[in-house]
Amino acid sequence: MGLFSPGLNNKPEDHPQSLAYQKLDLKLKKQMDNGYKLYWVAVGRDDVPILLAGIRDFRKKMDTIGTKYEFKETDGGHTWPNWRKYLTEFTQKNF
């Protein structure tokens, strides 16, 4: 699983119509139970503040339920050059 500068809003109360964030703890636990080789999250420290806050909150949730993941924070922001670097690194970790 590779998340590159993900736009995460893990607060279902902010978007009650969106099923994606409902019962997020259960969904994350199901992902763990199903198994995965790598859960990799990367973001630029100069990215959009609300996006950075969402990633921070998501990581806290993952930590709380024991989800194993790798996190990478780089220079730069929400840009193609960052995503190309992330894709190169992420892809190599899968082989």
PDB file of N, CA and C in Angstrom:
ATOM      1  N   MET A   1       0.860  -1.152   0.000  1.00  0.00           N
ATOM      2  CA  MET A   1       0.000   0.000   0.000  1.00  0.00           C
ATOM      3  C   MET A   1       0.913   1.223   0.000  1.00  0.00           C
ATOM      4  N   GLY A   2       0.785   2.073  -0.978  1.00  0.00           N
ATOM      5  CA  GLY A   2       1.603   3.282  -1.059  1.00  0.00           C
ATOM      6  C   GLY A   2       0.737   4.521  -1.083  1.00  0.00           C
ATOM      7  N   LEU A   3       0.914   5.385  -0.109  1.00  0.00           N
ATOM      8  CA  LEU A   3       0.165   6.640  -0.030  1.00  0.00           C
ATOM      9  C   LEU A   3       1.140   7.784  -0.240  1.00  0.00           C
ATOM     10  N   PHE A   4       0.971   8.500  -1.326  1.00  0.00           N
ATOM     11  CA  PHE A   4       1.856   9.601  -1.675  1.00  0.00           C
ATOM     12  C   PHE A   4       1.099  10.914  -1.494  1.00  0.00           C
ATOM     13  N   SER A   5       1.457  11.692  -0.485  1.00  0.00           N
ATOM     14  CA  SER A   5       0.764  12.952  -0.171  1.00  0.00           C
ATOM     15  C   SER A   5      -0.747  12.739  -0.145  1.00  0.00           C
ATOM     16  N   PRO A   6      -1.205  11.751   0.618  1.00  0.00           N
ATOM     17  CA  PRO A   6      -2.635  11.420   0.574  1.00  0.00           C
ATOM     18  C   PRO A   6      -3.508  12.506   1.196  1.00  0.00           C
ATOM     19  N   GLY A   7      -4.640  12.728   0.572  1.00  0.00           N
ATOM     20  CA  GLY A   7      -5.635  13.646   1.110  1.00  0.00           C
ATOM     21  C   GLY A   7      -6.551  12.891   2.054  1.00  0.00           C
ATOM     22  N   LEU A   8      -6.115  12.732   3.283  1.00  0.00           N
ATOM     23  CA  LEU A   8      -6.870  11.940   4.248  1.00  0.00           C
ATOM     24  C   LEU A   8      -7.688  12.835   5.167  1.00  0.00           C
ATOM     25  N   ASN A   9      -8.926  12.496   5.306  1.00  0.00           N
ATOM     26  CA  ASN A   9      -9.763  13.123   6.319  1.00  0.00           C
ATOM     27  C   ASN A   9     -10.393  11.964   7.069  1.00  0.00           C
ATOM     28  N   ASN A  10      -9.767  11.608   8.175  1.00  0.00           N
ATOM     29  CA  ASN A  10     -10.221  10.421   8.897  1.00  0.00           C
ATOM     30  C   ASN A  10     -11.218  10.768   9.990  1.00  0.00           C
ATOM     31  N   LYS A  11     -11.926  11.859   9.822  1.00  0.00           N
ATOM     32  CA  LYS A  11     -12.936  12.266  10.795  1.00  0.00           C
ATOM     33  C   LYS A  11     -14.307  12.184  10.127  1.00  0.00           C
ATOM     34  N   PRO A  12     -15.002  11.071  10.318  1.00  0.00           N
ATOM     35  CA  PRO A  12     -16.278  10.887   9.621  1.00  0.00           C
ATOM     36  C   PRO A  12     -17.305  11.960   9.961  1.00  0.00           C
ATOM     37  N   GLU A  13     -17.177  12.569  11.111  1.00  0.00           N
ATOM     38  CA  GLU A  13     -18.136  13.620  11.460  1.00  0.00           C
ATOM     39  C   GLU A  13     -18.017  14.834  10.533  1.00  0.00           C
ATOM     40  N   ASP A  14     -16.857  15.002   9.899  1.00  0.00           N
ATOM     41  CA  ASP A  14     -16.682  16.111   8.962  1.00  0.00           C
ATOM     42  C   ASP A  14     -17.369  15.842   7.621  1.00  0.00           C
ATOM     43  N   HIS A  15     -17.551  14.570   7.288  1.00  0.00           N
ATOM     44  CA  HIS A  15     -18.149  14.179   6.008  1.00  0.00           C
ATOM     45  C   HIS A  15     -19.078  12.982   6.220  1.00  0.00           C
ATOM     46  N   PRO A  16     -20.209  13.192   6.859  1.00  0.00           N
ATOM     47  CA  PRO A  16     -21.087  12.064   7.186  1.00  0.00           C
ATOM     48  C   PRO A  16     -21.613  11.316   5.961  1.00  0.00           C
ATOM     49  N   GLN A  17     -21.641  11.947   4.798  1.00  0.00           N
ATOM     50  CA  GLN A  17     -22.142  11.300   3.593  1.00  0.00           C
ATOM     51  C   GLN A  17     -21.107  10.375   2.962  1.00  0.00           C
ATOM     52  N   SER A  18     -19.841  10.499   3.338  1.00  0.00           N
ATOM     53  CA  SER A  18     -18.790   9.690   2.743  1.00  0.00           C
ATOM     54  C   SER A  18     -18.594   8.393   3.522  1.00  0.00           C
ATOM     55  N   LEU A  19     -18.812   7.274   2.861  1.00  0.00           N
ATOM     56  CA  LEU A  19     -18.645   5.972   3.501  1.00  0.00           C
ATOM     57  C   LEU A  19     -17.169   5.612   3.694  1.00  0.00           C
ATOM     58  N   ALA A  20     -16.277   6.263   2.963  1.00  0.00           N
ATOM     59  CA  ALA A  20     -14.858   5.916   3.017  1.00  0.00           C
ATOM     60  C   ALA A  20     -14.284   6.042   4.421  1.00  0.00           C
ATOM     61  N   TYR A  21     -14.769   7.000   5.183  1.00  0.00           N
ATOM     62  CA  TYR A  21     -14.185   7.251   6.504  1.00  0.00           C
ATOM     63  C   TYR A  21     -15.048   6.744   7.658  1.00  0.00           C
ATOM     64  N   GLN A  22     -16.152   6.118   7.348  1.00  0.00           N
ATOM     65  CA  GLN A  22     -16.989   5.532   8.387  1.00  0.00           C
ATOM     66  C   GLN A  22     -16.338   4.239   8.864  1.00  0.00           C
ATOM     67  N   LYS A  23     -16.311   4.022  10.151  1.00  0.00           N
ATOM     68  CA  LYS A  23     -15.748   2.802  10.753  1.00  0.00           C
ATOM     69  C   LYS A  23     -14.309   2.567  10.297  1.00  0.00           C
ATOM     70  N   LEU A  24     -13.519   3.642  10.288  1.00  0.00           N
ATOM     71  CA  LEU A  24     -12.150   3.562   9.795  1.00  0.00           C
ATOM     72  C   LEU A  24     -11.298   2.598  10.607  1.00  0.00           C
ATOM     73  N   ASP A  25     -11.481   2.575  11.926  1.00  0.00           N
ATOM     74  CA  ASP A  25     -10.706   1.641  12.756  1.00  0.00           C
ATOM     75  C   ASP A  25     -10.929   0.201  12.301  1.00  0.00           C
ATOM     76  N   LEU A  26     -12.181  -0.144  12.047  1.00  0.00           N
ATOM     77  CA  LEU A  26     -12.488  -1.509  11.600  1.00  0.00           C
ATOM     78  C   LEU A  26     -11.874  -1.802  10.235  1.00  0.00           C
ATOM     79  N   LYS A  27     -11.896  -0.811   9.353  1.00  0.00           N
ATOM     80  CA  LYS A  27     -11.321  -0.996   8.023  1.00  0.00           C
ATOM     81  C   LYS A  27      -9.809  -1.190   8.098  1.00  0.00           C
ATOM     82  N   LEU A  28      -9.151  -0.420   8.949  1.00  0.00           N
ATOM     83  CA  LEU A  28      -7.705  -0.577   9.105  1.00  0.00           C
ATOM     84  C   LEU A  28      -7.364  -1.941   9.718  1.00  0.00           C
ATOM     85  N   LYS A  29      -8.149  -2.361  10.690  1.00  0.00           N
ATOM     86  CA  LYS A  29      -7.918  -3.673  11.299  1.00  0.00           C
ATOM     87  C   LYS A  29      -8.117  -4.783  10.272  1.00  0.00           C
ATOM     88  N   LYS A  30      -9.110  -4.624   9.395  1.00  0.00           N
ATOM     89  CA  LYS A  30      -9.349  -5.625   8.345  1.00  0.00           C
ATOM     90  C   LYS A  30      -8.155  -5.675   7.385  1.00  0.00           C
ATOM     91  N   GLN A  31      -7.610  -4.515   7.047  1.00  0.00           N
ATOM     92  CA  GLN A  31      -6.411  -4.494   6.206  1.00  0.00           C
ATOM     93  C   GLN A  31      -5.279  -5.265   6.881  1.00  0.00           C
ATOM     94  N   MET A  32      -5.094  -5.054   8.179  1.00  0.00           N
ATOM     95  CA  MET A  32      -4.047  -5.771   8.906  1.00  0.00           C
ATOM     96  C   MET A  32      -4.314  -7.267   8.882  1.00  0.00           C
ATOM     97  N   ASP A  33      -5.560  -7.654   9.137  1.00  0.00           N
ATOM     98  CA  ASP A  33      -5.920  -9.076   9.157  1.00  0.00           C
ATOM     99  C   ASP A  33      -5.724  -9.727   7.788  1.00  0.00           C
ATOM    100  N   ASN A  34      -6.010  -8.977   6.724  1.00  0.00           N
ATOM    101  CA  ASN A  34      -5.834  -9.499   5.371  1.00  0.00           C
ATOM    102  C   ASN A  34      -4.364  -9.636   5.004  1.00  0.00           C
ATOM    103  N   GLY A  35      -3.534  -8.874   5.685  1.00  0.00           N
ATOM    104  CA  GLY A  35      -2.096  -8.920   5.448  1.00  0.00           C
ATOM    105  C   GLY A  35      -1.666  -7.989   4.328  1.00  0.00           C
ATOM    106  N   TYR A  36      -0.485  -7.475   4.485  1.00  0.00           N
ATOM    107  CA  TYR A  36       0.125  -6.637   3.458  1.00  0.00           C
ATOM    108  C   TYR A  36       1.626  -6.681   3.669  1.00  0.00           C
ATOM    109  N   LYS A  37       2.359  -6.513   2.595  1.00  0.00           N
ATOM    110  CA  LYS A  37       3.815  -6.536   2.677  1.00  0.00           C
ATOM    111  C   LYS A  37       4.342  -5.199   3.192  1.00  0.00           C
ATOM    112  N   LEU A  38       3.746  -4.134   2.738  1.00  0.00           N
ATOM    113  CA  LEU A  38       4.268  -2.806   3.047  1.00  0.00           C
ATOM    114  C   LEU A  38       3.124  -1.795   3.059  1.00  0.00           C
ATOM    115  N   TYR A  39       3.105  -0.965   4.072  1.00  0.00           N
ATOM    116  CA  TYR A  39       2.175   0.171   4.153  1.00  0.00           C
ATOM    117  C   TYR A  39       3.085   1.380   4.254  1.00  0.00           C
ATOM    118  N   TRP A  40       3.168   2.164   3.194  1.00  0.00           N
ATOM    119  CA  TRP A  40       4.168   3.216   3.070  1.00  0.00           C
ATOM    120  C   TRP A  40       3.471   4.548   2.832  1.00  0.00           C
ATOM    121  N   VAL A  41       3.783   5.531   3.659  1.00  0.00           N
ATOM    122  CA  VAL A  41       3.173   6.850   3.575  1.00  0.00           C
ATOM    123  C   VAL A  41       4.282   7.878   3.423  1.00  0.00           C
ATOM    124  N   ALA A  42       4.168   8.751   2.430  1.00  0.00           N
ATOM    125  CA  ALA A  42       5.167   9.791   2.215  1.00  0.00           C
ATOM    126  C   ALA A  42       4.476  11.115   1.929  1.00  0.00           C
ATOM    127  N   VAL A  43       5.105  12.196   2.425  1.00  0.00           N
ATOM    128  CA  VAL A  43       4.549  13.536   2.220  1.00  0.00           C
ATOM    129  C   VAL A  43       5.677  14.561   2.331  1.00  0.00           C
ATOM    130  N   GLY A  44       5.504  15.657   1.637  1.00  0.00           N
ATOM    131  CA  GLY A  44       6.446  16.769   1.748  1.00  0.00           C
ATOM    132  C   GLY A  44       6.066  17.659   2.916  1.00  0.00           C
ATOM    133  N   ARG A  45       7.065  18.098   3.664  1.00  0.00           N
ATOM    134  CA  ARG A  45       6.774  18.903   4.864  1.00  0.00           C
ATOM    135  C   ARG A  45       6.195  20.282   4.533  1.00  0.00           C
ATOM    136  N   ASP A  46       6.282  20.670   3.255  1.00  0.00           N
ATOM    137  CA  ASP A  46       5.714  21.953   2.835  1.00  0.00           C
ATOM    138  C   ASP A  46       4.360  21.784   2.154  1.00  0.00           C
ATOM    139  N   ASP A  47       3.762  20.616   2.325  1.00  0.00           N
ATOM    140  CA  ASP A  47       2.466  20.344   1.703  1.00  0.00           C
ATOM    141  C   ASP A  47       1.376  21.196   2.368  1.00  0.00           C
ATOM    142  N   VAL A  48       0.179  21.082   1.867  1.00  0.00           N
ATOM    143  CA  VAL A  48      -0.974  21.845   2.347  1.00  0.00           C
ATOM    144  C   VAL A  48      -1.208  21.525   3.839  1.00  0.00           C
ATOM    145  N   PRO A  49      -1.321  22.541   4.697  1.00  0.00           N
ATOM    146  CA  PRO A  49      -1.465  22.304   6.145  1.00  0.00           C
ATOM    147  C   PRO A  49      -2.609  21.362   6.524  1.00  0.00           C
ATOM    148  N   ILE A  50      -3.755  21.480   5.890  1.00  0.00           N
ATOM    149  CA  ILE A  50      -4.871  20.604   6.253  1.00  0.00           C
ATOM    150  C   ILE A  50      -4.563  19.149   5.868  1.00  0.00           C
ATOM    151  N   LEU A  51      -3.815  18.968   4.782  1.00  0.00           N
ATOM    152  CA  LEU A  51      -3.412  17.627   4.373  1.00  0.00           C
ATOM    153  C   LEU A  51      -2.425  17.046   5.390  1.00  0.00           C
ATOM    154  N   LEU A  52      -1.470  17.851   5.817  1.00  0.00           N
ATOM    155  CA  LEU A  52      -0.497  17.397   6.820  1.00  0.00           C
ATOM    156  C   LEU A  52      -1.191  17.020   8.124  1.00  0.00           C
ATOM    157  N   ALA A  53      -2.195  17.801   8.510  1.00  0.00           N
ATOM    158  CA  ALA A  53      -2.948  17.492   9.729  1.00  0.00           C
ATOM    159  C   ALA A  53      -3.696  16.172   9.584  1.00  0.00           C
ATOM    160  N   GLY A  54      -4.281  15.924   8.418  1.00  0.00           N
ATOM    161  CA  GLY A  54      -4.988  14.671   8.182  1.00  0.00           C
ATOM    162  C   GLY A  54      -4.063  13.475   8.251  1.00  0.00           C
ATOM    163  N   ILE A  55      -2.860  13.620   7.694  1.00  0.00           N
ATOM    164  CA  ILE A  55      -1.880  12.533   7.741  1.00  0.00           C
ATOM    165  C   ILE A  55      -1.429  12.299   9.179  1.00  0.00           C
ATOM    166  N   ARG A  56      -1.198  13.370   9.913  1.00  0.00           N
ATOM    167  CA  ARG A  56      -0.799  13.239  11.325  1.00  0.00           C
ATOM    168  C   ARG A  56      -1.869  12.490  12.116  1.00  0.00           C
ATOM    169  N   ASP A  57      -3.129  12.869  11.926  1.00  0.00           N
ATOM    170  CA  ASP A  57      -4.229  12.204  12.628  1.00  0.00           C
ATOM    171  C   ASP A  57      -4.360  10.741  12.204  1.00  0.00           C
ATOM    172  N   PHE A  58      -4.185  10.469  10.915  1.00  0.00           N
ATOM    173  CA  PHE A  58      -4.270   9.102  10.399  1.00  0.00           C
ATOM    174  C   PHE A  58      -3.174   8.238  11.015  1.00  0.00           C
ATOM    175  N   ARG A  59      -1.964   8.789  11.111  1.00  0.00           N
ATOM    176  CA  ARG A  59      -0.854   8.036  11.715  1.00  0.00           C
ATOM    177  C   ARG A  59      -1.135   7.745  13.183  1.00  0.00           C
ATOM    178  N   LYS A  60      -1.713   8.691  13.888  1.00  0.00           N
ATOM    179  CA  LYS A  60      -2.064   8.457  15.291  1.00  0.00           C
ATOM    180  C   LYS A  60      -3.056   7.298  15.396  1.00  0.00           C
ATOM    181  N   LYS A  61      -4.034   7.294  14.511  1.00  0.00           N
ATOM    182  CA  LYS A  61      -5.026   6.221  14.500  1.00  0.00           C
ATOM    183  C   LYS A  61      -4.348   4.882  14.205  1.00  0.00           C
ATOM    184  N   MET A  62      -3.452   4.874  13.227  1.00  0.00           N
ATOM    185  CA  MET A  62      -2.734   3.649  12.894  1.00  0.00           C
ATOM    186  C   MET A  62      -1.882   3.178  14.076  1.00  0.00           C
ATOM    187  N   ASP A  63      -1.225   4.113  14.742  1.00  0.00           N
ATOM    188  CA  ASP A  63      -0.412   3.764  15.912  1.00  0.00           C
ATOM    189  C   ASP A  63      -1.277   3.186  17.025  1.00  0.00           C
ATOM    190  N   THR A  64      -2.446   3.761  17.226  1.00  0.00           N
ATOM    191  CA  THR A  64      -3.337   3.323  18.296  1.00  0.00           C
ATOM    192  C   THR A  64      -3.786   1.875  18.112  1.00  0.00           C
ATOM    193  N   ILE A  65      -4.056   1.496  16.862  1.00  0.00           N
ATOM    194  CA  ILE A  65      -4.535   0.121  16.644  1.00  0.00           C
ATOM    195  C   ILE A  65      -3.410  -0.844  16.270  1.00  0.00           C
ATOM    196  N   GLY A  66      -2.182  -0.342  16.200  1.00  0.00           N
ATOM    197  CA  GLY A  66      -1.036  -1.218  15.964  1.00  0.00           C
ATOM    198  C   GLY A  66      -0.724  -1.517  14.515  1.00  0.00           C
ATOM    199  N   THR A  67      -1.177  -0.673  13.608  1.00  0.00           N
ATOM    200  CA  THR A  67      -0.862  -0.860  12.193  1.00  0.00           C
ATOM    201  C   THR A  67       0.618  -0.558  11.964  1.00  0.00           C
ATOM    202  N   LYS A  68       1.317  -1.485  11.342  1.00  0.00           N
ATOM    203  CA  LYS A  68       2.727  -1.289  11.002  1.00  0.00           C
ATOM    204  C   LYS A  68       2.812  -0.552   9.668  1.00  0.00           C
ATOM    205  N   TYR A  69       3.623   0.492   9.640  1.00  0.00           N
ATOM    206  CA  TYR A  69       3.780   1.271   8.420  1.00  0.00           C
ATOM    207  C   TYR A  69       5.129   1.974   8.440  1.00  0.00           C
ATOM    208  N   GLU A  70       5.539   2.435   7.272  1.00  0.00           N
ATOM    209  CA  GLU A  70       6.720   3.275   7.142  1.00  0.00           C
ATOM    210  C   GLU A  70       6.249   4.669   6.765  1.00  0.00           C
ATOM    211  N   PHE A  71       6.882   5.669   7.341  1.00  0.00           N
ATOM    212  CA  PHE A  71       6.526   7.050   7.053  1.00  0.00           C
ATOM    213  C   PHE A  71       7.763   7.797   6.601  1.00  0.00           C
ATOM    214  N   LYS A  72       7.600   8.572   5.546  1.00  0.00           N
ATOM    215  CA  LYS A  72       8.701   9.370   5.019  1.00  0.00           C
ATOM    216  C   LYS A  72       8.221  10.801   4.829  1.00  0.00           C
ATOM    217  N   GLU A  73       8.977  11.734   5.373  1.00  0.00           N
ATOM    218  CA  GLU A  73       8.691  13.155   5.184  1.00  0.00           C
ATOM    219  C   GLU A  73       9.880  13.762   4.453  1.00  0.00           C
ATOM    220  N   THR A  74       9.598  14.470   3.385  1.00  0.00           N
ATOM    221  CA  THR A  74      10.659  15.028   2.548  1.00  0.00           C
ATOM    222  C   THR A  74      10.517  16.542   2.458  1.00  0.00           C
ATOM    223  N   ASP A  75      11.513  17.163   1.849  1.00  0.00           N
ATOM    224  CA  ASP A  75      11.392  18.577   1.509  1.00  0.00           C
ATOM    225  C   ASP A  75      10.348  18.713   0.412  1.00  0.00           C
ATOM    226  N   GLY A  76       9.838  19.910   0.247  1.00  0.00           N
ATOM    227  CA  GLY A  76       8.906  20.165  -0.835  1.00  0.00           C
ATOM    228  C   GLY A  76       7.463  19.983  -0.424  1.00  0.00           C
ATOM    229  N   GLY A  77       6.605  20.038  -1.423  1.00  0.00           N
ATOM    230  CA  GLY A  77       5.180  19.991  -1.155  1.00  0.00           C
ATOM    231  C   GLY A  77       4.450  18.997  -2.021  1.00  0.00           C
ATOM    232  N   HIS A  78       3.250  19.375  -2.411  1.00  0.00           N
ATOM    233  CA  HIS A  78       2.314  18.536  -3.164  1.00  0.00           C
ATOM    234  C   HIS A  78       2.651  18.645  -4.648  1.00  0.00           C
ATOM    235  N   THR A  79       3.750  17.977  -5.051  1.00  0.00           N
ATOM    236  CA  THR A  79       4.276  18.182  -6.400  1.00  0.00           C
ATOM    237  C   THR A  79       4.634  16.868  -7.088  1.00  0.00           C
ATOM    238  N   TRP A  80       4.625  16.910  -8.428  1.00  0.00           N
ATOM    239  CA  TRP A  80       5.015  15.740  -9.211  1.00  0.00           C
ATOM    240  C   TRP A  80       6.450  15.319  -8.938  1.00  0.00           C
ATOM    241  N   PRO A  81       7.403  16.234  -8.803  1.00  0.00           N
ATOM    242  CA  PRO A  81       8.768  15.777  -8.503  1.00  0.00           C
ATOM    243  C   PRO A  81       8.828  14.922  -7.224  1.00  0.00           C
ATOM    244  N   ASN A  82       8.111  15.300  -6.199  1.00  0.00           N
ATOM    245  CA  ASN A  82       8.076  14.479  -4.980  1.00  0.00           C
ATOM    246  C   ASN A  82       7.464  13.120  -5.267  1.00  0.00           C
ATOM    247  N   TRP A  83       6.343  13.096  -5.956  1.00  0.00           N
ATOM    248  CA  TRP A  83       5.651  11.831  -6.209  1.00  0.00           C
ATOM    249  C   TRP A  83       6.489  10.890  -7.069  1.00  0.00           C
ATOM    250  N   ARG A  84       7.251  11.439  -8.008  1.00  0.00           N
ATOM    251  CA  ARG A  84       8.153  10.590  -8.803  1.00  0.00           C
ATOM    252  C   ARG A  84       9.207   9.944  -7.905  1.00  0.00           C
ATOM    253  N   LYS A  85       9.766  10.726  -6.978  1.00  0.00           N
ATOM    254  CA  LYS A  85      10.747  10.167  -6.030  1.00  0.00           C
ATOM    255  C   LYS A  85      10.092   9.098  -5.166  1.00  0.00           C
ATOM    256  N   TYR A  86       8.888   9.393  -4.686  1.00  0.00           N
ATOM    257  CA  TYR A  86       8.188   8.424  -3.831  1.00  0.00           C
ATOM    258  C   TYR A  86       7.920   7.124  -4.591  1.00  0.00           C
ATOM    259  N   LEU A  87       7.470   7.253  -5.832  1.00  0.00           N
ATOM    260  CA  LEU A  87       7.172   6.063  -6.626  1.00  0.00           C
ATOM    261  C   LEU A  87       8.425   5.218  -6.834  1.00  0.00           C
ATOM    262  N   THR A  88       9.542   5.882  -7.119  1.00  0.00           N
ATOM    263  CA  THR A  88      10.797   5.159  -7.316  1.00  0.00           C
ATOM    264  C   THR A  88      11.184   4.405  -6.048  1.00  0.00           C
ATOM    265  N   GLU A  89      11.134   5.059  -4.910  1.00  0.00           N
ATOM    266  CA  GLU A  89      11.508   4.407  -3.651  1.00  0.00           C
ATOM    267  C   GLU A  89      10.512   3.310  -3.266  1.00  0.00           C
ATOM    268  N   PHE A  90       9.231   3.609  -3.374  1.00  0.00           N
ATOM    269  CA  PHE A  90       8.195   2.652  -3.003  1.00  0.00           C
ATOM    270  C   PHE A  90       8.279   1.388  -3.861  1.00  0.00           C
ATOM    271  N   THR A  91       8.432   1.578  -5.157  1.00  0.00           N
ATOM    272  CA  THR A  91       8.471   0.444  -6.071  1.00  0.00           C
ATOM    273  C   THR A  91       9.642  -0.484  -5.742  1.00  0.00           C
ATOM    274  N   GLN A  92      10.790   0.080  -5.446  1.00  0.00           N
ATOM    275  CA  GLN A  92      11.963  -0.734  -5.124  1.00  0.00           C
ATOM    276  C   GLN A  92      11.748  -1.540  -3.834  1.00  0.00           C
ATOM    277  N   LYS A  93      10.950  -1.042  -2.918  1.00  0.00           N
ATOM    278  CA  LYS A  93      10.697  -1.749  -1.668  1.00  0.00           C
ATOM    279  C   LYS A  93       9.788  -2.970  -1.867  1.00  0.00           C
ATOM    280  N   ASN A  94       9.143  -3.038  -3.006  1.00  0.00           N
ATOM    281  CA  ASN A  94       8.214  -4.133  -3.268  1.00  0.00           C
ATOM    282  C   ASN A  94       8.856  -5.332  -3.962  1.00  0.00           C
ATOM    283  N   PHE A  95      10.151  -5.240  -4.233  1.00  0.00           N
ATOM    284  CA  PHE A  95      10.827  -6.350  -4.915  1.00  0.00           C
ATOM    285  C   PHE A  95      12.015  -6.824  -4.119  1.00  0.00           C
TER     286      PHE A  95
END
